[in-house]
Amino acid sequence: MIVLQSQASFRSYGIPYARINRSLAVRREVQSLSFLSGSRPGRWFVWLIYRALNKPLPVGHAAEWMMIPEHSVDQVLETGALRSLYPQDVLEAARRMDQQRREHDERQANQP
């Protein structure tokens, strides 16, 4: 009888603790990889990890790829310029944005 009560109490408290542990694990994962996003090889390494796991990139890493402020990522998602935070979509959007920046710089350089 005591064993059954302890199992019941574990089940009732297991779900919130699992959610807390999961969110802490995600936060630790993002923090542990954040030092890599400052360099080009590091960004590629993070991209490859998330691509292999088929998981969306953290917002901070996506912002680094697109060279925009982190708070602008939501706006880019809303406008449709970025389909999702999955690595392949972020890479495609980053390439488009880079091309647009280059074209803009060329136009500005040609104007007197």
Protein backbone atom coordinates (compact mmCIF):
# COMPACT_ATOMS: atom_id res chain seq x y z
CA MET A 1 0.00 0.00 0.00
CA ILE A 2 2.78 2.44 0.80
CA VAL A 3 4.51 1.60 -2.46
CA LEU A 4 1.35 2.40 -4.41
CA GLN A 5 1.00 5.75 -2.67
CA SER A 6 4.56 6.71 -3.44
CA GLN A 7 4.07 5.78 -7.10
CA ALA A 8 0.89 7.85 -7.26
CA SER A 9 2.61 10.87 -5.76
CA PHE A 10 5.50 10.47 -8.22
CA ARG A 11 3.06 10.44 -11.13
CA SER A 12 1.25 13.54 -9.92
CA TYR A 13 4.51 15.47 -9.53
CA GLY A 14 6.34 13.92 -12.46
CA ILE A 15 4.78 16.00 -15.22
CA PRO A 16 5.60 19.50 -13.92
CA TYR A 17 9.12 18.46 -13.01
CA ALA A 18 9.56 16.93 -16.46
CA ARG A 19 8.49 20.22 -18.07
CA ILE A 20 10.84 22.21 -15.89
CA ASN A 21 13.71 19.83 -16.60
CA ARG A 22 12.98 19.96 -20.33
CA SER A 23 12.97 23.75 -20.44
CA LEU A 24 16.19 23.84 -18.42
CA ALA A 25 17.76 21.34 -20.80
CA VAL A 26 16.79 23.44 -23.82
CA ARG A 27 18.15 26.56 -22.14
CA ARG A 28 21.43 24.79 -21.33
CA GLU A 29 21.65 23.49 -24.90
CA VAL A 30 21.26 26.98 -26.32
CA GLN A 31 23.77 28.43 -23.85
CA SER A 32 26.29 25.69 -24.52
CA LEU A 33 26.13 26.33 -28.26
CA SER A 34 25.89 30.12 -28.05
CA PHE A 35 29.65 30.56 -27.86
CA LEU A 36 29.90 28.88 -31.26
CA SER A 37 27.62 31.32 -33.05
CA GLY A 38 30.23 34.08 -32.94
CA SER A 39 32.42 32.46 -35.58
CA ARG A 40 31.67 31.25 -39.07
CA PRO A 41 32.81 27.64 -38.44
CA GLY A 42 30.86 27.67 -35.18
CA ARG A 43 27.67 28.77 -36.92
CA TRP A 44 28.09 26.00 -39.47
CA PHE A 45 28.68 23.48 -36.68
CA VAL A 46 25.49 24.55 -34.88
CA TRP A 47 23.61 24.49 -38.19
CA LEU A 48 24.79 20.94 -38.92
CA ILE A 49 23.82 19.70 -35.47
CA TYR A 50 20.31 21.11 -35.70
CA ARG A 51 19.95 19.93 -39.31
CA ALA A 52 20.96 16.39 -38.33
CA LEU A 53 18.50 16.43 -35.41
CA ASN A 54 15.80 18.02 -37.63
CA LYS A 55 15.15 20.67 -34.98
CA PRO A 56 14.49 24.39 -35.44
CA LEU A 57 17.40 26.69 -34.69
CA PRO A 58 17.23 28.82 -31.55
CA VAL A 59 16.22 32.40 -32.30
CA GLY A 60 19.65 33.75 -31.41
CA HIS A 61 21.40 31.46 -33.89
CA ALA A 62 18.89 32.27 -36.62
CA ALA A 63 19.50 35.98 -36.03
CA GLU A 64 23.26 35.43 -36.32
CA TRP A 65 22.78 33.64 -39.64
CA MET A 66 20.64 36.41 -41.08
CA MET A 67 22.79 39.16 -39.52
CA ILE A 68 19.78 40.85 -37.90
CA PRO A 69 18.98 41.70 -34.28
CA GLU A 70 17.45 38.87 -32.29
CA HIS A 71 14.23 40.82 -31.66
CA SER A 72 13.67 41.16 -35.43
CA VAL A 73 13.42 37.42 -36.06
CA ASP A 74 9.72 37.35 -35.15
CA GLN A 75 9.03 40.18 -37.59
CA VAL A 76 10.88 38.34 -40.37
CA LEU A 77 8.82 35.22 -39.63
CA GLU A 78 5.57 37.23 -39.74
CA THR A 79 6.38 38.82 -43.09
CA GLY A 80 7.05 35.45 -44.67
CA ALA A 81 10.65 36.23 -45.57
CA LEU A 82 11.55 33.34 -43.30
CA ARG A 83 9.36 30.23 -43.46
CA SER A 84 10.52 28.64 -40.21
CA LEU A 85 13.48 28.38 -37.89
CA TYR A 86 14.54 25.05 -39.37
CA PRO A 87 18.15 25.19 -40.57
CA GLN A 88 17.44 24.82 -44.29
CA ASP A 89 14.89 27.69 -44.22
CA VAL A 90 17.21 29.93 -42.22
CA LEU A 91 20.06 29.30 -44.65
CA GLU A 92 17.83 30.10 -47.64
CA ALA A 93 16.60 33.33 -46.03
CA ALA A 94 20.15 34.32 -45.06
CA ARG A 95 21.30 33.86 -48.66
CA ARG A 96 18.42 35.97 -49.99
CA MET A 97 19.06 38.72 -47.45
CA ASP A 98 22.78 38.73 -48.24
CA GLN A 99 22.04 39.06 -51.96
CA GLN A 100 19.66 41.96 -51.26
CA ARG A 101 22.30 43.69 -49.13
CA ARG A 102 24.89 43.34 -51.89
CA GLU A 103 22.50 44.71 -54.51
CA HIS A 104 21.62 47.63 -52.24
CA ASP A 105 25.29 48.41 -51.62
CA GLU A 106 26.01 48.32 -55.36
CA ARG A 107 23.14 50.72 -56.07
CA GLN A 108 24.34 53.08 -53.37
CA ALA A 109 27.93 52.96 -54.69
CA ASN A 110 26.75 53.83 -58.24
CA GLN A 111 24.73 56.87 -57.15
CA PRO A 112 26.72 60.16 -57.01
